[in-house]
Amino acid sequence: MEEYLIIILRTLFLYLLILLIFRLMGKREIGELSILDLVVYIMIAEMASLSIENTKDPLINTLLPISVLVIIQIALAFLSLKSKKFRDIVDGKPTIIINNGKIDEKAMRSQRYNFDDLLLQLREKDVGNIADVEYAILEPSGTLSIFQKNQESQQDNSSLALPLIIDGEIQEDNLTMIGKSKPWLLKQLEKKGYHDPGELSFCSYEKGQFYIDLQNE
């Protein structure tokens, strides 16, 4: 009877502890978890499970490695907030699979993403014909964001608002995608009174219009 009571108490304690830990790690939907998030969650769940089963092991043997994981996860989350490059390494980058109505097979191969995957996700978004898609972006979470064609987008190849600056860093791949260059972007920003891209937390361009957000504002 005593052993059952210990199991119940350990289960309640670890349940509350893991709830607290997940709150500290921040809110994310399951489908948006990064690889690091997923690994940490699996490891914590496994250690908690072993601790409940092995009632003779002191709780400190479980709490210590869990605490180390939490500290590492919070530190990595802080680095991700500060560095776009680090965030790309940890979480991955969005990949444009369909660009201006054309399928990018090279991008698909780089993500080990095949036509069956593409068609399945298009059907899930109620899109039955690839010809109806202007842009399709494979997100780091594995979901497919779809922008369908319309009259306005057919007249303007820049109908997708691609980020040109994120956390002060110019996204040269996106500039190339809309047929623009870094000097062009710097000149346009100077016209608007922004002389240092590092001052901008975010900048996007769509249909000739810029959206600009300054750092810490």
N, C-alpha and C. Protein backbone atom coordinates (compact mmCIF):
# COMPACT_ATOMS: atom_id res chain seq x y z
N MET A 1 0.84 -1.22 0.00
CA MET A 1 0.00 0.00 0.00
C MET A 1 0.88 1.27 0.00
N GLU A 2 1.94 1.20 0.77
CA GLU A 2 2.84 2.35 0.85
C GLU A 2 3.48 2.65 -0.49
N GLU A 3 3.84 1.57 -1.22
CA GLU A 3 4.46 1.75 -2.52
C GLU A 3 3.50 2.42 -3.50
N TYR A 4 2.22 2.05 -3.47
CA TYR A 4 1.22 2.67 -4.33
C TYR A 4 1.06 4.16 -4.01
N LEU A 5 1.12 4.48 -2.73
CA LEU A 5 0.99 5.88 -2.32
C LEU A 5 2.17 6.70 -2.84
N ILE A 6 3.36 6.11 -2.77
CA ILE A 6 4.55 6.79 -3.28
C ILE A 6 4.43 7.04 -4.79
N ILE A 7 3.93 6.02 -5.51
CA ILE A 7 3.74 6.17 -6.97
C ILE A 7 2.77 7.32 -7.26
N ILE A 8 1.66 7.37 -6.50
CA ILE A 8 0.65 8.42 -6.70
C ILE A 8 1.24 9.80 -6.43
N LEU A 9 1.99 9.92 -5.33
CA LEU A 9 2.58 11.21 -4.97
C LEU A 9 3.63 11.63 -5.99
N ARG A 10 4.44 10.69 -6.43
CA ARG A 10 5.46 11.00 -7.44
C ARG A 10 4.80 11.44 -8.75
N THR A 11 3.75 10.75 -9.12
CA THR A 11 3.03 11.09 -10.36
C THR A 11 2.47 12.50 -10.28
N LEU A 12 1.83 12.85 -9.19
CA LEU A 12 1.26 14.19 -9.02
C LEU A 12 2.35 15.26 -9.03
N PHE A 13 3.45 14.97 -8.31
CA PHE A 13 4.55 15.94 -8.23
C PHE A 13 5.15 16.19 -9.61
N LEU A 14 5.46 15.10 -10.35
CA LEU A 14 6.08 15.24 -11.65
C LEU A 14 5.13 15.85 -12.68
N TYR A 15 3.84 15.55 -12.52
CA TYR A 15 2.83 16.15 -13.41
C TYR A 15 2.83 17.67 -13.26
N LEU A 16 2.79 18.13 -12.03
CA LEU A 16 2.80 19.57 -11.78
C LEU A 16 4.12 20.20 -12.20
N LEU A 17 5.21 19.49 -11.96
CA LEU A 17 6.53 20.00 -12.35
C LEU A 17 6.64 20.16 -13.86
N ILE A 18 6.18 19.15 -14.61
CA ILE A 18 6.28 19.21 -16.07
C ILE A 18 5.36 20.29 -16.64
N LEU A 19 4.19 20.48 -16.03
CA LEU A 19 3.32 21.59 -16.45
C LEU A 19 4.04 22.92 -16.29
N LEU A 20 4.71 23.08 -15.15
CA LEU A 20 5.45 24.31 -14.88
C LEU A 20 6.58 24.49 -15.89
N ILE A 21 7.29 23.41 -16.18
CA ILE A 21 8.41 23.46 -17.12
C ILE A 21 7.93 23.88 -18.51
N PHE A 22 6.83 23.28 -18.97
CA PHE A 22 6.32 23.61 -20.30
C PHE A 22 5.83 25.05 -20.37
N ARG A 23 5.32 25.56 -19.26
CA ARG A 23 4.92 26.97 -19.22
C ARG A 23 6.15 27.87 -19.35
N LEU A 24 7.25 27.47 -18.69
CA LEU A 24 8.48 28.25 -18.76
C LEU A 24 9.05 28.26 -20.17
N MET A 25 8.86 27.18 -20.88
CA MET A 25 9.42 27.06 -22.22
C MET A 25 8.64 27.85 -23.26
N GLY A 26 7.47 28.35 -22.90
CA GLY A 26 6.69 29.15 -23.83
C GLY A 26 5.61 28.36 -24.52
N LYS A 27 4.68 29.09 -25.15
CA LYS A 27 3.53 28.46 -25.80
C LYS A 27 3.81 28.20 -27.26
N ARG A 28 3.61 26.95 -27.66
CA ARG A 28 3.71 26.57 -29.06
C ARG A 28 2.73 25.45 -29.33
N GLU A 29 2.12 25.48 -30.50
CA GLU A 29 1.28 24.36 -30.89
C GLU A 29 2.17 23.15 -31.17
N ILE A 30 1.60 21.95 -31.01
CA ILE A 30 2.37 20.73 -31.22
C ILE A 30 3.02 20.71 -32.60
N GLY A 31 2.27 21.13 -33.62
CA GLY A 31 2.79 21.11 -34.99
C GLY A 31 3.88 22.13 -35.23
N GLU A 32 4.10 23.06 -34.31
CA GLU A 32 5.10 24.10 -34.49
C GLU A 32 6.36 23.84 -33.68
N LEU A 33 6.44 22.69 -33.02
CA LEU A 33 7.61 22.38 -32.22
C LEU A 33 8.83 22.22 -33.11
N SER A 34 9.96 22.79 -32.67
CA SER A 34 11.22 22.58 -33.38
C SER A 34 11.78 21.21 -32.99
N ILE A 35 12.84 20.80 -33.70
CA ILE A 35 13.48 19.52 -33.38
C ILE A 35 13.97 19.53 -31.93
N LEU A 36 14.56 20.65 -31.50
CA LEU A 36 15.06 20.73 -30.12
C LEU A 36 13.93 20.61 -29.11
N ASP A 37 12.81 21.31 -29.38
CA ASP A 37 11.66 21.21 -28.49
C ASP A 37 11.21 19.77 -28.35
N LEU A 38 11.09 19.11 -29.49
CA LEU A 38 10.59 17.74 -29.50
C LEU A 38 11.51 16.80 -28.73
N VAL A 39 12.82 16.95 -28.94
CA VAL A 39 13.79 16.09 -28.25
C VAL A 39 13.70 16.30 -26.74
N VAL A 40 13.64 17.57 -26.32
CA VAL A 40 13.58 17.88 -24.88
C VAL A 40 12.30 17.32 -24.27
N TYR A 41 11.18 17.50 -24.94
CA TYR A 41 9.90 17.01 -24.40
C TYR A 41 9.91 15.49 -24.26
N ILE A 42 10.46 14.81 -25.27
CA ILE A 42 10.51 13.34 -25.22
C ILE A 42 11.40 12.87 -24.07
N MET A 43 12.56 13.54 -23.92
CA MET A 43 13.49 13.15 -22.86
C MET A 43 12.89 13.39 -21.48
N ILE A 44 12.22 14.52 -21.29
CA ILE A 44 11.60 14.83 -20.00
C ILE A 44 10.51 13.81 -19.69
N ALA A 45 9.70 13.50 -20.70
CA ALA A 45 8.62 12.53 -20.49
C ALA A 45 9.19 11.15 -20.13
N GLU A 46 10.28 10.76 -20.80
CA GLU A 46 10.90 9.45 -20.53
C GLU A 46 11.47 9.41 -19.11
N MET A 47 12.16 10.47 -18.71
CA MET A 47 12.75 10.50 -17.36
C MET A 47 11.67 10.50 -16.29
N ALA A 48 10.59 11.23 -16.53
CA ALA A 48 9.48 11.25 -15.57
C ALA A 48 8.86 9.87 -15.44
N SER A 49 8.70 9.20 -16.57
CA SER A 49 8.11 7.87 -16.57
C SER A 49 8.97 6.88 -15.78
N LEU A 50 10.29 6.91 -15.99
CA LEU A 50 11.20 6.03 -15.27
C LEU A 50 11.20 6.32 -13.77
N SER A 51 11.10 7.61 -13.44
CA SER A 51 11.09 7.98 -12.03
C SER A 51 9.86 7.46 -11.31
N ILE A 52 8.71 7.46 -12.00
CA ILE A 52 7.47 6.95 -11.40
C ILE A 52 7.55 5.44 -11.21
N GLU A 53 8.16 4.76 -12.18
CA GLU A 53 8.25 3.30 -12.10
C GLU A 53 9.24 2.85 -11.04
N ASN A 54 10.38 3.56 -10.95
CA ASN A 54 11.44 3.16 -10.01
C ASN A 54 11.33 3.98 -8.73
N THR A 55 10.45 3.57 -7.86
CA THR A 55 10.17 4.34 -6.64
C THR A 55 11.33 4.36 -5.66
N LYS A 56 12.30 3.44 -5.81
CA LYS A 56 13.42 3.39 -4.88
C LYS A 56 14.52 4.40 -5.25
N ASP A 57 14.50 4.88 -6.49
CA ASP A 57 15.48 5.89 -6.90
C ASP A 57 15.09 7.24 -6.31
N PRO A 58 16.03 7.98 -5.73
CA PRO A 58 15.70 9.30 -5.19
C PRO A 58 15.27 10.25 -6.31
N LEU A 59 14.34 11.14 -6.01
CA LEU A 59 13.81 12.07 -7.02
C LEU A 59 14.89 12.98 -7.60
N ILE A 60 15.94 13.23 -6.83
CA ILE A 60 16.99 14.12 -7.30
C ILE A 60 17.64 13.58 -8.58
N ASN A 61 17.65 12.23 -8.72
CA ASN A 61 18.22 11.63 -9.92
C ASN A 61 17.41 11.97 -11.17
N THR A 62 16.15 12.32 -10.98
CA THR A 62 15.30 12.75 -12.09
C THR A 62 15.29 14.27 -12.22
N LEU A 63 15.22 14.96 -11.08
CA LEU A 63 15.11 16.43 -11.10
C LEU A 63 16.37 17.08 -11.67
N LEU A 64 17.54 16.52 -11.38
CA LEU A 64 18.79 17.13 -11.85
C LEU A 64 18.90 17.14 -13.37
N PRO A 65 18.74 16.00 -14.06
CA PRO A 65 18.83 16.06 -15.53
C PRO A 65 17.71 16.87 -16.17
N ILE A 66 16.52 16.84 -15.58
CA ILE A 66 15.42 17.66 -16.11
C ILE A 66 15.76 19.14 -16.00
N SER A 67 16.34 19.52 -14.86
CA SER A 67 16.73 20.93 -14.66
C SER A 67 17.78 21.35 -15.68
N VAL A 68 18.74 20.45 -15.95
CA VAL A 68 19.78 20.76 -16.95
C VAL A 68 19.14 20.96 -18.33
N LEU A 69 18.20 20.10 -18.69
CA LEU A 69 17.51 20.22 -19.98
C LEU A 69 16.75 21.54 -20.09
N VAL A 70 16.08 21.92 -19.01
CA VAL A 70 15.30 23.16 -19.01
C VAL A 70 16.22 24.36 -19.19
N ILE A 71 17.34 24.37 -18.48
CA ILE A 71 18.30 25.48 -18.59
C ILE A 71 18.83 25.58 -20.01
N ILE A 72 19.19 24.42 -20.59
CA ILE A 72 19.69 24.41 -21.97
C ILE A 72 18.63 24.93 -22.93
N GLN A 73 17.39 24.48 -22.74
CA GLN A 73 16.30 24.88 -23.64
C GLN A 73 16.02 26.37 -23.56
N ILE A 74 16.00 26.92 -22.35
CA ILE A 74 15.75 28.36 -22.18
C ILE A 74 16.90 29.17 -22.79
N ALA A 75 18.14 28.70 -22.60
CA ALA A 75 19.30 29.39 -23.17
C ALA A 75 19.24 29.39 -24.70
N LEU A 76 18.86 28.24 -25.28
CA LEU A 76 18.76 28.16 -26.74
C LEU A 76 17.62 29.02 -27.27
N ALA A 77 16.52 29.08 -26.52
CA ALA A 77 15.39 29.93 -26.92
C ALA A 77 15.81 31.40 -26.91
N PHE A 78 16.62 31.79 -25.92
CA PHE A 78 17.12 33.17 -25.85
C PHE A 78 18.02 33.47 -27.05
N LEU A 79 18.90 32.51 -27.40
CA LEU A 79 19.76 32.70 -28.56
C LEU A 79 18.94 32.81 -29.85
N SER A 80 17.88 32.02 -29.93
CA SER A 80 17.01 32.06 -31.11
C SER A 80 16.36 33.42 -31.27
N LEU A 81 15.99 34.03 -30.15
CA LEU A 81 15.38 35.37 -30.21
C LEU A 81 16.38 36.41 -30.69
N LYS A 82 17.65 36.22 -30.36
CA LYS A 82 18.67 37.22 -30.66
C LYS A 82 19.30 37.04 -32.04
N SER A 83 19.28 35.82 -32.56
CA SER A 83 20.00 35.55 -33.80
C SER A 83 19.13 34.83 -34.82
N LYS A 84 18.93 35.46 -35.96
CA LYS A 84 18.17 34.83 -37.05
C LYS A 84 18.93 33.63 -37.61
N LYS A 85 20.25 33.73 -37.71
CA LYS A 85 21.05 32.62 -38.24
C LYS A 85 20.93 31.40 -37.35
N PHE A 86 21.02 31.62 -36.04
CA PHE A 86 20.89 30.50 -35.10
C PHE A 86 19.49 29.89 -35.18
N ARG A 87 18.48 30.76 -35.33
CA ARG A 87 17.10 30.29 -35.44
C ARG A 87 16.91 29.42 -36.69
N ASP A 88 17.57 29.80 -37.78
CA ASP A 88 17.47 29.02 -39.01
C ASP A 88 18.11 27.64 -38.84
N ILE A 89 19.23 27.60 -38.08
CA ILE A 89 19.90 26.32 -37.84
C ILE A 89 19.03 25.41 -36.99
N VAL A 90 18.43 25.98 -35.95
CA VAL A 90 17.65 25.18 -35.00
C VAL A 90 16.28 24.80 -35.57
N ASP A 91 15.56 25.79 -36.08
CA ASP A 91 14.18 25.57 -36.51
C ASP A 91 14.05 25.26 -37.99
N GLY A 92 15.08 25.62 -38.77
CA GLY A 92 14.97 25.48 -40.22
C GLY A 92 14.34 26.72 -40.83
N LYS A 93 14.41 26.80 -42.16
CA LYS A 93 13.88 27.96 -42.89
C LYS A 93 12.69 27.56 -43.73
N PRO A 94 11.74 28.47 -43.92
CA PRO A 94 10.65 28.18 -44.87
C PRO A 94 11.23 27.98 -46.27
N THR A 95 10.62 27.07 -47.03
CA THR A 95 11.09 26.77 -48.38
C THR A 95 9.95 26.98 -49.36
N ILE A 96 10.21 27.80 -50.38
CA ILE A 96 9.18 28.04 -51.39
C ILE A 96 9.18 26.88 -52.38
N ILE A 97 8.09 26.13 -52.38
CA ILE A 97 7.96 24.95 -53.24
C ILE A 97 7.37 25.32 -54.60
N ILE A 98 6.40 26.24 -54.59
CA ILE A 98 5.83 26.76 -55.84
C ILE A 98 6.05 28.27 -55.85
N ASN A 99 6.69 28.75 -56.91
CA ASN A 99 7.05 30.16 -57.00
C ASN A 99 6.50 30.74 -58.30
N ASN A 100 5.56 31.70 -58.15
CA ASN A 100 4.92 32.28 -59.34
C ASN A 100 4.29 31.21 -60.21
N GLY A 101 3.67 30.23 -59.58
CA GLY A 101 2.98 29.17 -60.30
C GLY A 101 3.86 28.06 -60.83
N LYS A 102 5.19 28.14 -60.60
CA LYS A 102 6.11 27.12 -61.10
C LYS A 102 6.66 26.30 -59.94
N ILE A 103 6.64 24.98 -60.10
CA ILE A 103 7.14 24.08 -59.07
C ILE A 103 8.66 24.09 -59.07
N ASP A 104 9.25 24.24 -57.89
CA ASP A 104 10.70 24.22 -57.74
C ASP A 104 11.13 22.83 -57.28
N GLU A 105 11.47 21.97 -58.26
CA GLU A 105 11.84 20.59 -57.93
C GLU A 105 13.11 20.53 -57.10
N LYS A 106 14.04 21.46 -57.33
CA LYS A 106 15.29 21.47 -56.56
C LYS A 106 15.00 21.72 -55.08
N ALA A 107 14.09 22.67 -54.81
CA ALA A 107 13.72 22.95 -53.42
C ALA A 107 13.04 21.75 -52.79
N MET A 108 12.22 21.06 -53.58
CA MET A 108 11.54 19.86 -53.08
C MET A 108 12.55 18.77 -52.71
N ARG A 109 13.54 18.57 -53.59
CA ARG A 109 14.55 17.55 -53.31
C ARG A 109 15.36 17.89 -52.07
N SER A 110 15.66 19.17 -51.89
CA SER A 110 16.46 19.58 -50.72
C SER A 110 15.73 19.30 -49.41
N GLN A 111 14.40 19.28 -49.45
CA GLN A 111 13.60 19.02 -48.26
C GLN A 111 13.09 17.58 -48.21
N ARG A 112 13.55 16.76 -49.19
CA ARG A 112 13.07 15.37 -49.29
C ARG A 112 11.54 15.34 -49.29
N TYR A 113 11.00 16.19 -50.15
CA TYR A 113 9.55 16.42 -50.24
C TYR A 113 9.12 16.02 -51.65
N ASN A 114 8.18 15.09 -51.76
CA ASN A 114 7.81 14.59 -53.09
C ASN A 114 6.43 15.09 -53.53
N PHE A 115 6.06 14.73 -54.74
CA PHE A 115 4.79 15.21 -55.31
C PHE A 115 3.58 14.64 -54.56
N ASP A 116 3.71 13.44 -54.04
CA ASP A 116 2.61 12.88 -53.24
C ASP A 116 2.35 13.73 -52.01
N ASP A 117 3.45 14.16 -51.34
CA ASP A 117 3.32 15.04 -50.17
C ASP A 117 2.65 16.36 -50.58
N LEU A 118 3.11 16.91 -51.70
CA LEU A 118 2.58 18.19 -52.17
C LEU A 118 1.09 18.09 -52.47
N LEU A 119 0.71 17.07 -53.24
CA LEU A 119 -0.70 16.92 -53.62
C LEU A 119 -1.58 16.66 -52.40
N LEU A 120 -1.07 15.87 -51.45
CA LEU A 120 -1.83 15.60 -50.23
C LEU A 120 -2.10 16.89 -49.46
N GLN A 121 -1.06 17.70 -49.29
CA GLN A 121 -1.25 18.93 -48.51
C GLN A 121 -2.08 19.96 -49.27
N LEU A 122 -2.02 19.94 -50.59
CA LEU A 122 -2.90 20.82 -51.37
C LEU A 122 -4.36 20.41 -51.19
N ARG A 123 -4.61 19.10 -51.22
CA ARG A 123 -5.99 18.62 -51.02
C ARG A 123 -6.50 18.96 -49.63
N GLU A 124 -5.62 18.89 -48.65
CA GLU A 124 -6.02 19.24 -47.28
C GLU A 124 -6.43 20.71 -47.17
N LYS A 125 -5.90 21.55 -48.08
CA LYS A 125 -6.27 22.98 -48.11
C LYS A 125 -7.34 23.25 -49.16
N ASP A 126 -8.02 22.18 -49.62
CA ASP A 126 -9.09 22.29 -50.61
C ASP A 126 -8.61 22.87 -51.94
N VAL A 127 -7.38 22.57 -52.32
CA VAL A 127 -6.85 22.98 -53.61
C VAL A 127 -6.67 21.71 -54.45
N GLY A 128 -7.44 21.60 -55.53
CA GLY A 128 -7.40 20.38 -56.32
C GLY A 128 -6.49 20.45 -57.53
N ASN A 129 -6.00 21.65 -57.87
CA ASN A 129 -5.22 21.82 -59.09
C ASN A 129 -3.99 22.67 -58.79
N ILE A 130 -2.80 22.13 -59.09
CA ILE A 130 -1.57 22.89 -58.86
C ILE A 130 -1.57 24.18 -59.66
N ALA A 131 -2.25 24.19 -60.81
CA ALA A 131 -2.29 25.39 -61.65
C ALA A 131 -2.96 26.57 -60.95
N ASP A 132 -3.74 26.29 -59.90
CA ASP A 132 -4.42 27.37 -59.17
C ASP A 132 -3.52 28.03 -58.13
N VAL A 133 -2.30 27.49 -57.94
CA VAL A 133 -1.43 27.96 -56.86
C VAL A 133 -0.38 28.93 -57.42
N GLU A 134 -0.28 30.09 -56.82
CA GLU A 134 0.78 31.02 -57.19
C GLU A 134 2.02 30.78 -56.35
N TYR A 135 1.84 30.66 -55.03
CA TYR A 135 2.95 30.37 -54.12
C TYR A 135 2.55 29.26 -53.16
N ALA A 136 3.48 28.36 -52.88
CA ALA A 136 3.30 27.37 -51.81
C ALA A 136 4.60 27.33 -51.02
N ILE A 137 4.49 27.53 -49.72
CA ILE A 137 5.68 27.62 -48.86
C ILE A 137 5.63 26.50 -47.83
N LEU A 138 6.68 25.68 -47.82
CA LEU A 138 6.80 24.62 -46.83
C LEU A 138 7.43 25.21 -45.58
N GLU A 139 6.64 25.28 -44.51
CA GLU A 139 7.09 25.90 -43.26
C GLU A 139 8.01 24.93 -42.49
N PRO A 140 8.83 25.47 -41.57
CA PRO A 140 9.70 24.59 -40.77
C PRO A 140 8.92 23.54 -39.98
N SER A 141 7.66 23.82 -39.66
CA SER A 141 6.84 22.86 -38.91
C SER A 141 6.34 21.72 -39.80
N GLY A 142 6.52 21.85 -41.14
CA GLY A 142 6.06 20.82 -42.07
C GLY A 142 4.72 21.14 -42.71
N THR A 143 4.06 22.20 -42.27
CA THR A 143 2.79 22.60 -42.89
C THR A 143 3.08 23.36 -44.18
N LEU A 144 2.09 23.35 -45.08
CA LEU A 144 2.23 24.02 -46.37
C LEU A 144 1.31 25.24 -46.40
N SER A 145 1.90 26.42 -46.56
CA SER A 145 1.13 27.65 -46.70
C SER A 145 0.90 27.91 -48.18
N ILE A 146 -0.35 28.17 -48.56
CA ILE A 146 -0.71 28.26 -49.97
C ILE A 146 -1.34 29.62 -50.28
N PHE A 147 -0.87 30.21 -51.39
CA PHE A 147 -1.45 31.46 -51.89
C PHE A 147 -1.94 31.18 -53.30
N GLN A 148 -3.26 31.26 -53.48
CA GLN A 148 -3.83 30.92 -54.78
C GLN A 148 -3.79 32.11 -55.73
N LYS A 149 -3.86 31.80 -57.01
CA LYS A 149 -3.81 32.84 -58.03
C LYS A 149 -5.11 33.63 -58.06
N ASN A 150 -4.96 34.91 -58.42
CA ASN A 150 -6.13 35.74 -58.71
C ASN A 150 -5.71 36.77 -59.74
N GLN A 151 -6.63 37.57 -60.20
CA GLN A 151 -6.31 38.54 -61.26
C GLN A 151 -5.21 39.49 -60.85
N GLU A 152 -5.29 39.97 -59.61
CA GLU A 152 -4.34 40.97 -59.16
C GLU A 152 -2.95 40.38 -59.08
N SER A 153 -2.84 39.13 -58.55
CA SER A 153 -1.52 38.54 -58.41
C SER A 153 -0.91 38.19 -59.76
N GLN A 154 -1.76 37.91 -60.78
CA GLN A 154 -1.23 37.60 -62.09
C GLN A 154 -0.62 38.83 -62.74
N GLN A 155 -1.07 40.01 -62.34
CA GLN A 155 -0.54 41.24 -62.90
C GLN A 155 0.68 41.73 -62.14
N ASP A 156 0.93 41.17 -60.95
CA ASP A 156 2.02 41.65 -60.12
C ASP A 156 2.77 40.47 -59.55
N ASN A 157 3.99 40.23 -60.04
CA ASN A 157 4.76 39.08 -59.60
C ASN A 157 5.23 39.21 -58.16
N SER A 158 5.06 40.37 -57.54
CA SER A 158 5.52 40.57 -56.16
C SER A 158 4.36 40.57 -55.19
N SER A 159 3.33 39.76 -55.48
CA SER A 159 2.14 39.77 -54.64
C SER A 159 2.35 39.07 -53.30
N LEU A 160 3.45 38.31 -53.18
CA LEU A 160 3.75 37.67 -51.92
C LEU A 160 4.66 38.58 -51.11
N ALA A 161 4.23 38.89 -49.88
CA ALA A 161 5.00 39.80 -49.03
C ALA A 161 6.15 39.04 -48.37
N LEU A 162 7.28 38.98 -49.07
CA LEU A 162 8.44 38.28 -48.53
C LEU A 162 9.20 39.19 -47.58
N PRO A 163 9.70 38.65 -46.47
CA PRO A 163 10.51 39.47 -45.57
C PRO A 163 11.87 39.75 -46.19
N LEU A 164 12.25 41.02 -46.24
CA LEU A 164 13.54 41.40 -46.80
C LEU A 164 14.58 41.65 -45.71
N ILE A 165 14.08 41.99 -44.51
CA ILE A 165 14.97 42.15 -43.34
C ILE A 165 14.30 41.50 -42.14
N ILE A 166 15.05 40.67 -41.44
CA ILE A 166 14.57 40.06 -40.21
C ILE A 166 15.65 40.23 -39.15
N ASP A 167 15.29 40.82 -38.02
CA ASP A 167 16.24 41.05 -36.92
C ASP A 167 17.49 41.78 -37.41
N GLY A 168 17.28 42.75 -38.30
CA GLY A 168 18.39 43.57 -38.77
C GLY A 168 19.24 42.93 -39.86
N GLU A 169 18.92 41.70 -40.28
CA GLU A 169 19.71 41.00 -41.29
C GLU A 169 18.96 40.96 -42.62
N ILE A 170 19.64 41.39 -43.68
CA ILE A 170 19.03 41.40 -45.02
C ILE A 170 18.91 39.98 -45.55
N GLN A 171 17.73 39.63 -46.05
CA GLN A 171 17.46 38.29 -46.58
C GLN A 171 17.68 38.31 -48.09
N GLU A 172 18.92 38.06 -48.49
CA GLU A 172 19.30 38.21 -49.90
C GLU A 172 18.60 37.19 -50.80
N ASP A 173 18.30 36.00 -50.27
CA ASP A 173 17.58 35.00 -51.08
C ASP A 173 16.20 35.52 -51.47
N ASN A 174 15.54 36.20 -50.55
CA ASN A 174 14.21 36.74 -50.83
C ASN A 174 14.29 37.91 -51.81
N LEU A 175 15.36 38.70 -51.71
CA LEU A 175 15.55 39.79 -52.67
C LEU A 175 15.70 39.23 -54.09
N THR A 176 16.48 38.18 -54.20
CA THR A 176 16.67 37.54 -55.51
C THR A 176 15.35 37.02 -56.05
N MET A 177 14.52 36.50 -55.14
CA MET A 177 13.25 35.90 -55.54
C MET A 177 12.30 36.93 -56.15
N ILE A 178 12.37 38.18 -55.69
CA ILE A 178 11.49 39.21 -56.25
C ILE A 178 12.21 40.06 -57.31
N GLY A 179 13.42 39.60 -57.69
CA GLY A 179 14.15 40.29 -58.75
C GLY A 179 14.77 41.60 -58.33
N LYS A 180 15.10 41.73 -57.05
CA LYS A 180 15.72 42.95 -56.54
C LYS A 180 17.10 42.63 -55.98
N SER A 181 17.86 43.69 -55.64
CA SER A 181 19.22 43.51 -55.14
C SER A 181 19.39 44.23 -53.81
N LYS A 182 20.49 43.93 -53.12
CA LYS A 182 20.79 44.59 -51.85
C LYS A 182 20.98 46.10 -52.03
N PRO A 183 21.73 46.56 -53.05
CA PRO A 183 21.85 48.02 -53.26
C PRO A 183 20.50 48.67 -53.48
N TRP A 184 19.60 48.01 -54.22
CA TRP A 184 18.25 48.56 -54.44
C TRP A 184 17.53 48.74 -53.11
N LEU A 185 17.61 47.73 -52.26
CA LEU A 185 16.92 47.80 -50.96
C LEU A 185 17.49 48.92 -50.11
N LEU A 186 18.82 49.02 -50.05
CA LEU A 186 19.45 50.07 -49.23
C LEU A 186 19.06 51.47 -49.74
N LYS A 187 18.98 51.61 -51.06
CA LYS A 187 18.59 52.90 -51.63
C LYS A 187 17.15 53.25 -51.28
N GLN A 188 16.26 52.25 -51.37
CA GLN A 188 14.85 52.48 -51.03
C GLN A 188 14.68 52.84 -49.56
N LEU A 189 15.45 52.18 -48.71
CA LEU A 189 15.36 52.47 -47.26
C LEU A 189 15.89 53.87 -46.95
N GLU A 190 16.97 54.26 -47.64
CA GLU A 190 17.52 55.61 -47.42
C GLU A 190 16.51 56.68 -47.81
N LYS A 191 15.74 56.43 -48.88
CA LYS A 191 14.71 57.38 -49.30
C LYS A 191 13.66 57.57 -48.20
N LYS A 192 13.47 56.51 -47.41
CA LYS A 192 12.47 56.57 -46.34
C LYS A 192 13.09 57.01 -45.01
N GLY A 193 14.40 57.32 -45.03
CA GLY A 193 15.04 57.83 -43.81
C GLY A 193 15.68 56.76 -42.95
N TYR A 194 15.84 55.55 -43.49
CA TYR A 194 16.47 54.48 -42.72
C TYR A 194 17.84 54.19 -43.35
N HIS A 195 18.89 54.55 -42.62
CA HIS A 195 20.24 54.43 -43.17
C HIS A 195 20.97 53.17 -42.70
N ASP A 196 20.44 52.50 -41.71
CA ASP A 196 21.09 51.30 -41.18
C ASP A 196 20.08 50.16 -41.08
N PRO A 197 20.21 49.12 -41.91
CA PRO A 197 19.26 47.99 -41.85
C PRO A 197 19.24 47.32 -40.48
N GLY A 198 20.35 47.44 -39.73
CA GLY A 198 20.42 46.85 -38.40
C GLY A 198 19.44 47.46 -37.42
N GLU A 199 18.91 48.65 -37.77
CA GLU A 199 17.93 49.31 -36.89
C GLU A 199 16.53 48.72 -37.05
N LEU A 200 16.35 47.91 -38.10
CA LEU A 200 15.01 47.39 -38.40
C LEU A 200 14.87 45.96 -37.88
N SER A 201 13.77 45.71 -37.22
CA SER A 201 13.51 44.34 -36.78
C SER A 201 12.83 43.55 -37.89
N PHE A 202 12.09 44.25 -38.75
CA PHE A 202 11.37 43.55 -39.83
C PHE A 202 11.10 44.52 -40.97
N CYS A 203 11.25 44.02 -42.19
CA CYS A 203 10.90 44.81 -43.37
C CYS A 203 10.43 43.86 -44.45
N SER A 204 9.24 44.12 -45.00
CA SER A 204 8.74 43.30 -46.10
C SER A 204 8.31 44.23 -47.24
N TYR A 205 8.14 43.64 -48.43
CA TYR A 205 7.81 44.42 -49.62
C TYR A 205 6.72 43.69 -50.41
N GLU A 206 5.66 44.42 -50.72
CA GLU A 206 4.55 43.82 -51.46
C GLU A 206 3.88 44.88 -52.32
N LYS A 207 3.78 44.59 -53.62
CA LYS A 207 3.07 45.48 -54.55
C LYS A 207 3.58 46.92 -54.47
N GLY A 208 4.91 47.06 -54.38
CA GLY A 208 5.50 48.40 -54.36
C GLY A 208 5.47 49.09 -53.02
N GLN A 209 4.96 48.44 -52.00
CA GLN A 209 4.83 49.05 -50.68
C GLN A 209 5.71 48.33 -49.65
N PHE A 210 6.37 49.10 -48.79
CA PHE A 210 7.19 48.54 -47.73
C PHE A 210 6.41 48.54 -46.42
N TYR A 211 6.62 47.47 -45.65
CA TYR A 211 6.18 47.46 -44.25
C TYR A 211 7.46 47.40 -43.42
N ILE A 212 7.63 48.38 -42.53
CA ILE A 212 8.87 48.49 -41.76
C ILE A 212 8.56 48.59 -40.27
N ASP A 213 9.29 47.80 -39.50
CA ASP A 213 9.16 47.86 -38.04
C ASP A 213 10.56 48.03 -37.44
N LEU A 214 10.72 49.03 -36.58
CA LEU A 214 12.02 49.31 -35.98
C LEU A 214 12.30 48.39 -34.80
N GLN A 215 13.59 48.21 -34.50
CA GLN A 215 13.97 47.42 -33.34
C GLN A 215 13.47 48.07 -32.06
N ASN A 216 12.94 47.26 -31.16
CA ASN A 216 12.54 47.71 -29.81
C ASN A 216 11.49 48.82 -29.84
N GLU A 217 10.60 48.76 -30.82
CA GLU A 217 9.50 49.75 -30.86
C GLU A 217 8.17 49.04 -31.01
